[in-house]
Amino acid sequence: MPDFSHILCFLLQFGAEFRRFSLDRYKPGKFEDFYKLILHIHHIANLEVMIGYADAVSSAHPLLRVFIQRQGKM
């Protein structure tokens, strides 16, 4: 059986839209790249948004919930 413990799954919510994707938990990355990826996945590259999360990456098993809101709507 394959070992998927290095995979971190994300559930993105922007308004009523939900998207799922996964990344390698141990692969280095910058927040800026993650932010751009989220905007690309939701097709909202031209919006300024705030990103929040419900769980810590270290304790997200199996899912990290990420909430996206337009800037100024929080």
PDB file of N, CA and C in Angstrom:
ATOM      1  N   MET A   1       0.849  -1.181   0.000  1.00  0.00           N
ATOM      2  CA  MET A   1       0.000   0.000   0.000  1.00  0.00           C
ATOM      3  C   MET A   1       0.892   1.242   0.000  1.00  0.00           C
ATOM      4  N   PRO A   2       0.619   2.215  -0.875  1.00  0.00           N
ATOM      5  CA  PRO A   2       1.453   3.419  -0.943  1.00  0.00           C
ATOM      6  C   PRO A   2       1.316   4.286   0.305  1.00  0.00           C
ATOM      7  N   ASP A   3       2.382   5.015   0.624  1.00  0.00           N
ATOM      8  CA  ASP A   3       2.394   5.913   1.773  1.00  0.00           C
ATOM      9  C   ASP A   3       2.064   7.326   1.302  1.00  0.00           C
ATOM     10  N   PHE A   4       0.920   7.840   1.714  1.00  0.00           N
ATOM     11  CA  PHE A   4       0.496   9.177   1.317  1.00  0.00           C
ATOM     12  C   PHE A   4       0.606  10.163   2.478  1.00  0.00           C
ATOM     13  N   SER A   5       1.400   9.844   3.499  1.00  0.00           N
ATOM     14  CA  SER A   5       1.498  10.712   4.669  1.00  0.00           C
ATOM     15  C   SER A   5       2.142  12.056   4.347  1.00  0.00           C
ATOM     16  N   HIS A   6       2.850  12.146   3.227  1.00  0.00           N
ATOM     17  CA  HIS A   6       3.489  13.405   2.843  1.00  0.00           C
ATOM     18  C   HIS A   6       2.551  14.317   2.049  1.00  0.00           C
ATOM     19  N   ILE A   7       1.345  13.864   1.755  1.00  0.00           N
ATOM     20  CA  ILE A   7       0.384  14.636   0.977  1.00  0.00           C
ATOM     21  C   ILE A   7      -0.529  15.426   1.914  1.00  0.00           C
ATOM     22  N   LEU A   8      -0.676  16.714   1.629  1.00  0.00           N
ATOM     23  CA  LEU A   8      -1.590  17.566   2.385  1.00  0.00           C
ATOM     24  C   LEU A   8      -2.719  17.976   1.450  1.00  0.00           C
ATOM     25  N   CYS A   9      -3.935  17.649   1.823  1.00  0.00           N
ATOM     26  CA  CYS A   9      -5.113  17.955   1.000  1.00  0.00           C
ATOM     27  C   CYS A   9      -5.722  19.276   1.463  1.00  0.00           C
ATOM     28  N   PHE A  10      -6.200  20.057   0.515  1.00  0.00           N
ATOM     29  CA  PHE A  10      -6.798  21.351   0.798  1.00  0.00           C
ATOM     30  C   PHE A  10      -8.237  21.370   0.321  1.00  0.00           C
ATOM     31  N   LEU A  11      -9.076  22.009   1.088  1.00  0.00           N
ATOM     32  CA  LEU A  11     -10.446  22.310   0.682  1.00  0.00           C
ATOM     33  C   LEU A  11     -10.551  23.828   0.694  1.00  0.00           C
ATOM     34  N   LEU A  12     -10.693  24.428  -0.479  1.00  0.00           N
ATOM     35  CA  LEU A  12     -10.800  25.877  -0.612  1.00  0.00           C
ATOM     36  C   LEU A  12     -12.264  26.268  -0.696  1.00  0.00           C
ATOM     37  N   GLN A  13     -12.637  27.329  -0.013  1.00  0.00           N
ATOM     38  CA  GLN A  13     -13.994  27.855  -0.117  1.00  0.00           C
ATOM     39  C   GLN A  13     -13.922  29.333  -0.441  1.00  0.00           C
ATOM     40  N   PHE A  14     -14.558  29.716  -1.553  1.00  0.00           N
ATOM     41  CA  PHE A  14     -14.712  31.125  -1.929  1.00  0.00           C
ATOM     42  C   PHE A  14     -16.184  31.321  -2.250  1.00  0.00           C
ATOM     43  N   GLY A  15     -16.894  32.001  -1.369  1.00  0.00           N
ATOM     44  CA  GLY A  15     -18.342  32.134  -1.528  1.00  0.00           C
ATOM     45  C   GLY A  15     -18.984  30.758  -1.472  1.00  0.00           C
ATOM     46  N   ALA A  16     -19.754  30.432  -2.486  1.00  0.00           N
ATOM     47  CA  ALA A  16     -20.424  29.131  -2.532  1.00  0.00           C
ATOM     48  C   ALA A  16     -19.610  28.083  -3.292  1.00  0.00           C
ATOM     49  N   GLU A  17     -18.434  28.465  -3.802  1.00  0.00           N
ATOM     50  CA  GLU A  17     -17.618  27.530  -4.578  1.00  0.00           C
ATOM     51  C   GLU A  17     -16.598  26.826  -3.694  1.00  0.00           C
ATOM     52  N   PHE A  18     -16.470  25.534  -3.909  1.00  0.00           N
ATOM     53  CA  PHE A  18     -15.481  24.725  -3.205  1.00  0.00           C
ATOM     54  C   PHE A  18     -14.544  24.105  -4.223  1.00  0.00           C
ATOM     55  N   ARG A  19     -13.256  24.053  -3.908  1.00  0.00           N
ATOM     56  CA  ARG A  19     -12.262  23.388  -4.745  1.00  0.00           C
ATOM     57  C   ARG A  19     -11.375  22.548  -3.841  1.00  0.00           C
ATOM     58  N   ARG A  20     -10.913  21.433  -4.369  1.00  0.00           N
ATOM     59  CA  ARG A  20      -9.987  20.566  -3.638  1.00  0.00           C
ATOM     60  C   ARG A  20      -8.720  20.370  -4.458  1.00  0.00           C
ATOM     61  N   PHE A  21      -7.582  20.305  -3.773  1.00  0.00           N
ATOM     62  CA  PHE A  21      -6.319  19.951  -4.404  1.00  0.00           C
ATOM     63  C   PHE A  21      -5.364  19.479  -3.316  1.00  0.00           C
ATOM     64  N   SER A  22      -4.232  18.962  -3.705  1.00  0.00           N
ATOM     65  CA  SER A  22      -3.257  18.487  -2.728  1.00  0.00           C
ATOM     66  C   SER A  22      -1.850  18.873  -3.151  1.00  0.00           C
ATOM     67  N   LEU A  23      -0.983  18.989  -2.148  1.00  0.00           N
ATOM     68  CA  LEU A  23       0.417  19.330  -2.335  1.00  0.00           C
ATOM     69  C   LEU A  23       1.265  18.444  -1.429  1.00  0.00           C
ATOM     70  N   ASP A  24       2.535  18.368  -1.736  1.00  0.00           N
ATOM     71  CA  ASP A  24       3.475  17.649  -0.880  1.00  0.00           C
ATOM     72  C   ASP A  24       3.717  18.490   0.372  1.00  0.00           C
ATOM     73  N   ARG A  25       3.455  17.917   1.521  1.00  0.00           N
ATOM     74  CA  ARG A  25       3.570  18.607   2.802  1.00  0.00           C
ATOM     75  C   ARG A  25       5.004  19.071   3.097  1.00  0.00           C
ATOM     76  N   TYR A  26       5.994  18.363   2.555  1.00  0.00           N
ATOM     77  CA  TYR A  26       7.386  18.657   2.884  1.00  0.00           C
ATOM     78  C   TYR A  26       8.128  19.413   1.789  1.00  0.00           C
ATOM     79  N   LYS A  27       7.480  19.666   0.667  1.00  0.00           N
ATOM     80  CA  LYS A  27       8.128  20.398  -0.418  1.00  0.00           C
ATOM     81  C   LYS A  27       8.122  21.886  -0.058  1.00  0.00           C
ATOM     82  N   PRO A  28       9.291  22.509  -0.073  1.00  0.00           N
ATOM     83  CA  PRO A  28       9.326  23.929   0.301  1.00  0.00           C
ATOM     84  C   PRO A  28       8.531  24.781  -0.680  1.00  0.00           C
ATOM     85  N   GLY A  29       7.969  25.810  -0.174  1.00  0.00           N
ATOM     86  CA  GLY A  29       7.201  26.736  -0.998  1.00  0.00           C
ATOM     87  C   GLY A  29       7.008  28.036  -0.260  1.00  0.00           C
ATOM     88  N   LYS A  30       6.706  29.082  -1.008  1.00  0.00           N
ATOM     89  CA  LYS A  30       6.481  30.396  -0.426  1.00  0.00           C
ATOM     90  C   LYS A  30       4.985  30.664  -0.363  1.00  0.00           C
ATOM     91  N   PHE A  31       4.585  31.451   0.621  1.00  0.00           N
ATOM     92  CA  PHE A  31       3.172  31.809   0.735  1.00  0.00           C
ATOM     93  C   PHE A  31       2.698  32.520  -0.518  1.00  0.00           C
ATOM     94  N   GLU A  32       3.543  33.369  -1.078  1.00  0.00           N
ATOM     95  CA  GLU A  32       3.187  34.112  -2.289  1.00  0.00           C
ATOM     96  C   GLU A  32       2.788  33.164  -3.429  1.00  0.00           C
ATOM     97  N   ASP A  33       3.533  32.066  -3.587  1.00  0.00           N
ATOM     98  CA  ASP A  33       3.209  31.081  -4.624  1.00  0.00           C
ATOM     99  C   ASP A  33       1.894  30.372  -4.315  1.00  0.00           C
ATOM    100  N   PHE A  34       1.671  30.048  -3.040  1.00  0.00           N
ATOM    101  CA  PHE A  34       0.433  29.404  -2.607  1.00  0.00           C
ATOM    102  C   PHE A  34      -0.758  30.330  -2.863  1.00  0.00           C
ATOM    103  N   TYR A  35      -0.601  31.604  -2.544  1.00  0.00           N
ATOM    104  CA  TYR A  35      -1.645  32.607  -2.752  1.00  0.00           C
ATOM    105  C   TYR A  35      -2.012  32.686  -4.233  1.00  0.00           C
ATOM    106  N   LYS A  36      -1.003  32.756  -5.101  1.00  0.00           N
ATOM    107  CA  LYS A  36      -1.244  32.814  -6.547  1.00  0.00           C
ATOM    108  C   LYS A  36      -1.932  31.549  -7.044  1.00  0.00           C
ATOM    109  N   LEU A  37      -1.554  30.396  -6.513  1.00  0.00           N
ATOM    110  CA  LEU A  37      -2.186  29.140  -6.889  1.00  0.00           C
ATOM    111  C   LEU A  37      -3.669  29.144  -6.530  1.00  0.00           C
ATOM    112  N   ILE A  38      -4.001  29.619  -5.350  1.00  0.00           N
ATOM    113  CA  ILE A  38      -5.401  29.690  -4.919  1.00  0.00           C
ATOM    114  C   ILE A  38      -6.203  30.600  -5.844  1.00  0.00           C
ATOM    115  N   LEU A  39      -5.645  31.756  -6.194  1.00  0.00           N
ATOM    116  CA  LEU A  39      -6.337  32.670  -7.101  1.00  0.00           C
ATOM    117  C   LEU A  39      -6.540  32.036  -8.465  1.00  0.00           C
ATOM    118  N   HIS A  40      -5.547  31.301  -8.928  1.00  0.00           N
ATOM    119  CA  HIS A  40      -5.645  30.615 -10.220  1.00  0.00           C
ATOM    120  C   HIS A  40      -6.715  29.521 -10.187  1.00  0.00           C
ATOM    121  N   ILE A  41      -6.734  28.733  -9.139  1.00  0.00           N
ATOM    122  CA  ILE A  41      -7.694  27.629  -9.030  1.00  0.00           C
ATOM    123  C   ILE A  41      -9.134  28.147  -9.053  1.00  0.00           C
ATOM    124  N   HIS A  42      -9.370  29.283  -8.409  1.00  0.00           N
ATOM    125  CA  HIS A  42     -10.724  29.846  -8.357  1.00  0.00           C
ATOM    126  C   HIS A  42     -11.008  30.833  -9.487  1.00  0.00           C
ATOM    127  N   HIS A  43     -10.042  31.071 -10.349  1.00  0.00           N
ATOM    128  CA  HIS A  43     -10.217  32.006 -11.467  1.00  0.00           C
ATOM    129  C   HIS A  43     -10.576  33.410 -10.967  1.00  0.00           C
ATOM    130  N   ILE A  44      -9.848  33.861  -9.934  1.00  0.00           N
ATOM    131  CA  ILE A  44     -10.101  35.188  -9.354  1.00  0.00           C
ATOM    132  C   ILE A  44      -8.807  36.000  -9.288  1.00  0.00           C
ATOM    133  N   ALA A  45      -7.974  35.885 -10.295  1.00  0.00           N
ATOM    134  CA  ALA A  45      -6.653  36.523 -10.295  1.00  0.00           C
ATOM    135  C   ALA A  45      -6.722  38.040 -10.153  1.00  0.00           C
ATOM    136  N   ASN A  46      -7.832  38.660 -10.512  1.00  0.00           N
ATOM    137  CA  ASN A  46      -7.941  40.115 -10.470  1.00  0.00           C
ATOM    138  C   ASN A  46      -8.553  40.652  -9.185  1.00  0.00           C
ATOM    139  N   LEU A  47      -8.851  39.797  -8.235  1.00  0.00           N
ATOM    140  CA  LEU A  47      -9.442  40.238  -6.970  1.00  0.00           C
ATOM    141  C   LEU A  47      -8.392  40.288  -5.871  1.00  0.00           C
ATOM    142  N   GLU A  48      -8.573  41.228  -4.935  1.00  0.00           N
ATOM    143  CA  GLU A  48      -7.762  41.227  -3.719  1.00  0.00           C
ATOM    144  C   GLU A  48      -8.566  40.479  -2.668  1.00  0.00           C
ATOM    145  N   VAL A  49      -7.978  39.429  -2.119  1.00  0.00           N
ATOM    146  CA  VAL A  49      -8.704  38.585  -1.171  1.00  0.00           C
ATOM    147  C   VAL A  49      -7.884  38.362   0.090  1.00  0.00           C
ATOM    148  N   MET A  50      -8.586  37.988   1.135  1.00  0.00           N
ATOM    149  CA  MET A  50      -7.972  37.572   2.402  1.00  0.00           C
ATOM    150  C   MET A  50      -8.088  36.060   2.464  1.00  0.00           C
ATOM    151  N   ILE A  51      -7.052  35.406   2.969  1.00  0.00           N
ATOM    152  CA  ILE A  51      -7.049  33.955   3.089  1.00  0.00           C
ATOM    153  C   ILE A  51      -6.920  33.598   4.565  1.00  0.00           C
ATOM    154  N   GLY A  52      -7.806  32.738   5.032  1.00  0.00           N
ATOM    155  CA  GLY A  52      -7.750  32.249   6.403  1.00  0.00           C
ATOM    156  C   GLY A  52      -7.836  30.746   6.394  1.00  0.00           C
ATOM    157  N   TYR A  53      -7.446  30.126   7.490  1.00  0.00           N
ATOM    158  CA  TYR A  53      -7.527  28.675   7.550  1.00  0.00           C
ATOM    159  C   TYR A  53      -8.026  28.228   8.918  1.00  0.00           C
ATOM    160  N   ALA A  54      -8.633  27.058   8.933  1.00  0.00           N
ATOM    161  CA  ALA A  54      -9.264  26.553  10.153  1.00  0.00           C
ATOM    162  C   ALA A  54      -8.351  25.632  10.953  1.00  0.00           C
ATOM    163  N   ASP A  55      -7.344  25.049  10.327  1.00  0.00           N
ATOM    164  CA  ASP A  55      -6.465  24.088  10.997  1.00  0.00           C
ATOM    165  C   ASP A  55      -5.019  24.447  10.732  1.00  0.00           C
ATOM    166  N   ALA A  56      -4.127  24.012  11.611  1.00  0.00           N
ATOM    167  CA  ALA A  56      -2.692  24.192  11.381  1.00  0.00           C
ATOM    168  C   ALA A  56      -2.196  23.126  10.423  1.00  0.00           C
ATOM    169  N   VAL A  57      -1.247  23.497   9.572  1.00  0.00           N
ATOM    170  CA  VAL A  57      -0.699  22.558   8.591  1.00  0.00           C
ATOM    171  C   VAL A  57      -0.158  21.315   9.292  1.00  0.00           C
ATOM    172  N   SER A  58       0.490  21.486  10.419  1.00  0.00           N
ATOM    173  CA  SER A  58       1.091  20.336  11.118  1.00  0.00           C
ATOM    174  C   SER A  58       0.049  19.364  11.651  1.00  0.00           C
ATOM    175  N   SER A  59      -1.175  19.839  11.885  1.00  0.00           N
ATOM    176  CA  SER A  59      -2.203  18.950  12.429  1.00  0.00           C
ATOM    177  C   SER A  59      -3.320  18.630  11.431  1.00  0.00           C
ATOM    178  N   ALA A  60      -3.174  19.052  10.198  1.00  0.00           N
ATOM    179  CA  ALA A  60      -4.222  18.832   9.189  1.00  0.00           C
ATOM    180  C   ALA A  60      -4.155  17.406   8.657  1.00  0.00           C
ATOM    181  N   HIS A  61      -4.980  16.554   9.221  1.00  0.00           N
ATOM    182  CA  HIS A  61      -5.056  15.154   8.769  1.00  0.00           C
ATOM    183  C   HIS A  61      -6.519  14.815   8.538  1.00  0.00           C
ATOM    184  N   PRO A  62      -6.960  14.613   7.386  1.00  0.00           N
ATOM    185  CA  PRO A  62      -6.233  14.657   6.117  1.00  0.00           C
ATOM    186  C   PRO A  62      -6.412  15.965   5.380  1.00  0.00           C
ATOM    187  N   LEU A  63      -7.123  16.957   5.958  1.00  0.00           N
ATOM    188  CA  LEU A  63      -7.582  18.101   5.178  1.00  0.00           C
ATOM    189  C   LEU A  63      -7.284  19.419   5.869  1.00  0.00           C
ATOM    190  N   LEU A  64      -6.801  20.404   5.105  1.00  0.00           N
ATOM    191  CA  LEU A  64      -6.634  21.766   5.592  1.00  0.00           C
ATOM    192  C   LEU A  64      -7.705  22.611   4.924  1.00  0.00           C
ATOM    193  N   ARG A  65      -8.579  23.203   5.717  1.00  0.00           N
ATOM    194  CA  ARG A  65      -9.659  24.031   5.178  1.00  0.00           C
ATOM    195  C   ARG A  65      -9.170  25.468   5.035  1.00  0.00           C
ATOM    196  N   VAL A  66      -9.313  26.035   3.846  1.00  0.00           N
ATOM    197  CA  VAL A  66      -8.862  27.396   3.543  1.00  0.00           C
ATOM    198  C   VAL A  66     -10.080  28.202   3.108  1.00  0.00           C
ATOM    199  N   PHE A  67     -10.274  29.355   3.747  1.00  0.00           N
ATOM    200  CA  PHE A  67     -11.406  30.225   3.443  1.00  0.00           C
ATOM    201  C   PHE A  67     -10.885  31.474   2.751  1.00  0.00           C
ATOM    202  N   ILE A  68     -11.535  31.855   1.655  1.00  0.00           N
ATOM    203  CA  ILE A  68     -11.120  33.002   0.863  1.00  0.00           C
ATOM    204  C   ILE A  68     -12.265  34.003   0.870  1.00  0.00           C
ATOM    205  N   GLN A  69     -11.942  35.264   1.220  1.00  0.00           N
ATOM    206  CA  GLN A  69     -12.958  36.306   1.197  1.00  0.00           C
ATOM    207  C   GLN A  69     -12.399  37.526   0.499  1.00  0.00           C
ATOM    208  N   ARG A  70     -13.295  38.261  -0.192  1.00  0.00           N
ATOM    209  CA  ARG A  70     -12.871  39.518  -0.805  1.00  0.00           C
ATOM    210  C   ARG A  70     -12.337  40.438   0.288  1.00  0.00           C
ATOM    211  N   GLN A  71     -11.303  41.194  -0.037  1.00  0.00           N
ATOM    212  CA  GLN A  71     -10.717  42.131   0.902  1.00  0.00           C
ATOM    213  C   GLN A  71     -11.782  43.105   1.398  1.00  0.00           C
ATOM    214  N   GLY A  72     -11.834  43.346   2.694  1.00  0.00           N
ATOM    215  CA  GLY A  72     -12.804  44.261   3.264  1.00  0.00           C
ATOM    216  C   GLY A  72     -14.114  43.619   3.649  1.00  0.00           C
ATOM    217  N   LYS A  73     -14.299  42.306   3.408  1.00  0.00           N
ATOM    218  CA  LYS A  73     -15.548  41.624   3.720  1.00  0.00           C
ATOM    219  C   LYS A  73     -15.477  40.849   5.033  1.00  0.00           C
ATOM    220  N   MET A  74     -14.357  40.868   5.729  1.00  0.00           N
ATOM    221  CA  MET A  74     -14.180  40.070   6.950  1.00  0.00           C
ATOM    222  C   MET A  74     -14.777  40.726   8.127  1.00  0.00           C
TER     223      MET A  74
END
